[in-house]
Amino acid sequence: MSKTLACRCEDVSLHELEHAIALGYRDIESIKRYTGFGTGWCQGKWCTALCARLIEERGGDPGQGITPRPPYHPTRLADLAGLDPDAGYDP
């Protein structure tokens, strides 16, 4: 059986998106949280439109798309390595 990918970055199939919608997830944000689509390197630039179309076809409301969350810019490992381990950072 072939696997049609809806999100290439996170390897989420079209079947997985359809299954999430069938389970009652009816907006992009909840489907993203359930399947992980749109969380890869492209941050949903390739797959969000497809997911929105699937939601609309099945009577849901795609809403405003994916809500961006920090970090807005990638953090270099060199920057993290330079942190003082005795500074008492609380995650």
Protein backbone atom coordinates (compact mmCIF):
# COMPACT_ATOMS: atom_id res chain seq x y z
CA MET A 1 0.00 0.00 0.00
CA SER A 2 1.42 3.38 -0.93
CA LYS A 3 1.72 6.15 1.61
CA THR A 4 0.73 9.59 0.33
CA LEU A 5 2.58 12.13 2.46
CA ALA A 6 0.75 15.27 3.47
CA CYS A 7 3.68 16.59 5.54
CA ARG A 8 7.06 15.58 4.18
CA CYS A 9 9.04 17.09 7.05
CA GLU A 10 7.30 15.08 9.78
CA ASP A 11 6.28 12.06 7.67
CA VAL A 12 2.55 12.55 8.28
CA SER A 13 0.39 10.76 5.73
CA LEU A 14 -2.82 11.93 4.14
CA HIS A 15 -4.51 8.97 5.83
CA GLU A 16 -3.35 10.22 9.25
CA LEU A 17 -4.84 13.67 8.60
CA GLU A 18 -8.12 12.12 7.44
CA HIS A 19 -8.16 9.88 10.53
CA ALA A 20 -7.64 12.89 12.83
CA ILE A 21 -10.55 14.70 11.17
CA ALA A 22 -12.70 11.57 11.54
CA LEU A 23 -11.86 11.51 15.27
CA GLY A 24 -13.28 15.00 15.63
CA TYR A 25 -10.27 17.27 15.27
CA ARG A 26 -11.78 20.05 13.15
CA ASP A 27 -9.22 22.86 13.10
CA ILE A 28 -5.61 23.15 11.98
CA GLU A 29 -4.19 23.76 15.45
CA SER A 30 -5.73 20.64 17.02
CA ILE A 31 -4.80 18.45 14.03
CA LYS A 32 -1.25 19.79 14.22
CA ARG A 33 -1.06 18.85 17.89
CA TYR A 34 -2.55 15.39 17.27
CA THR A 35 -0.50 14.41 14.20
CA GLY A 36 2.59 16.62 14.36
CA PHE A 37 2.10 17.95 10.84
CA GLY A 38 3.48 21.44 10.28
CA THR A 39 6.11 21.17 13.01
CA GLY A 40 9.07 20.29 10.78
CA TRP A 41 11.75 22.45 9.21
CA CYS A 42 9.30 24.26 6.88
CA GLN A 43 6.88 25.07 9.76
CA GLY A 44 3.83 24.16 7.69
CA LYS A 45 4.63 26.14 4.56
CA TRP A 46 4.04 23.04 2.41
CA CYS A 47 1.28 21.18 4.24
CA THR A 48 -0.99 23.77 5.87
CA ALA A 49 -2.96 24.54 2.68
CA LEU A 50 -3.65 20.83 2.10
CA CYS A 51 -4.82 20.35 5.68
CA ALA A 52 -7.05 23.44 5.49
CA ARG A 53 -8.65 22.12 2.31
CA LEU A 54 -9.31 18.71 3.92
CA ILE A 55 -10.92 20.37 6.94
CA GLU A 56 -13.17 22.55 4.77
CA GLU A 57 -14.21 19.57 2.61
CA ARG A 58 -15.30 17.73 5.76
CA GLY A 59 -17.26 20.61 7.28
CA GLY A 60 -14.70 21.97 9.71
CA ASP A 61 -13.28 25.45 10.12
CA PRO A 62 -9.60 25.74 9.20
CA GLY A 63 -9.34 29.03 11.08
CA GLN A 64 -6.29 31.23 10.84
CA GLY A 65 -3.65 28.55 10.38
CA ILE A 66 -0.83 27.58 12.68
CA THR A 67 -0.01 29.77 15.66
CA PRO A 68 3.73 30.54 15.73
CA ARG A 69 5.47 29.89 19.03
CA PRO A 70 8.92 30.80 20.35
CA PRO A 71 11.69 30.35 19.54
CA TYR A 72 11.09 32.52 16.52
CA HIS A 73 14.70 32.07 15.47
CA PRO A 74 16.81 28.93 15.85
CA THR A 75 19.25 28.91 18.77
CA ARG A 76 22.79 27.91 17.94
CA LEU A 77 24.34 25.13 20.04
CA ALA A 78 27.38 27.37 20.50
CA ASP A 79 25.13 29.93 22.24
CA LEU A 80 23.71 27.25 24.52
CA ALA A 81 27.16 25.83 25.26
CA GLY A 82 28.29 29.25 26.46
CA LEU A 83 25.72 29.37 29.28
CA ASP A 84 27.07 29.31 32.83
CA PRO A 85 26.03 25.96 34.39
CA ASP A 86 26.15 27.51 37.90
CA ALA A 87 23.76 30.33 37.01
CA GLY A 88 20.80 28.24 38.16
CA TYR A 89 18.64 28.22 35.06
CA ASP A 90 15.17 26.90 35.74
CA PRO A 91 13.61 25.25 32.68
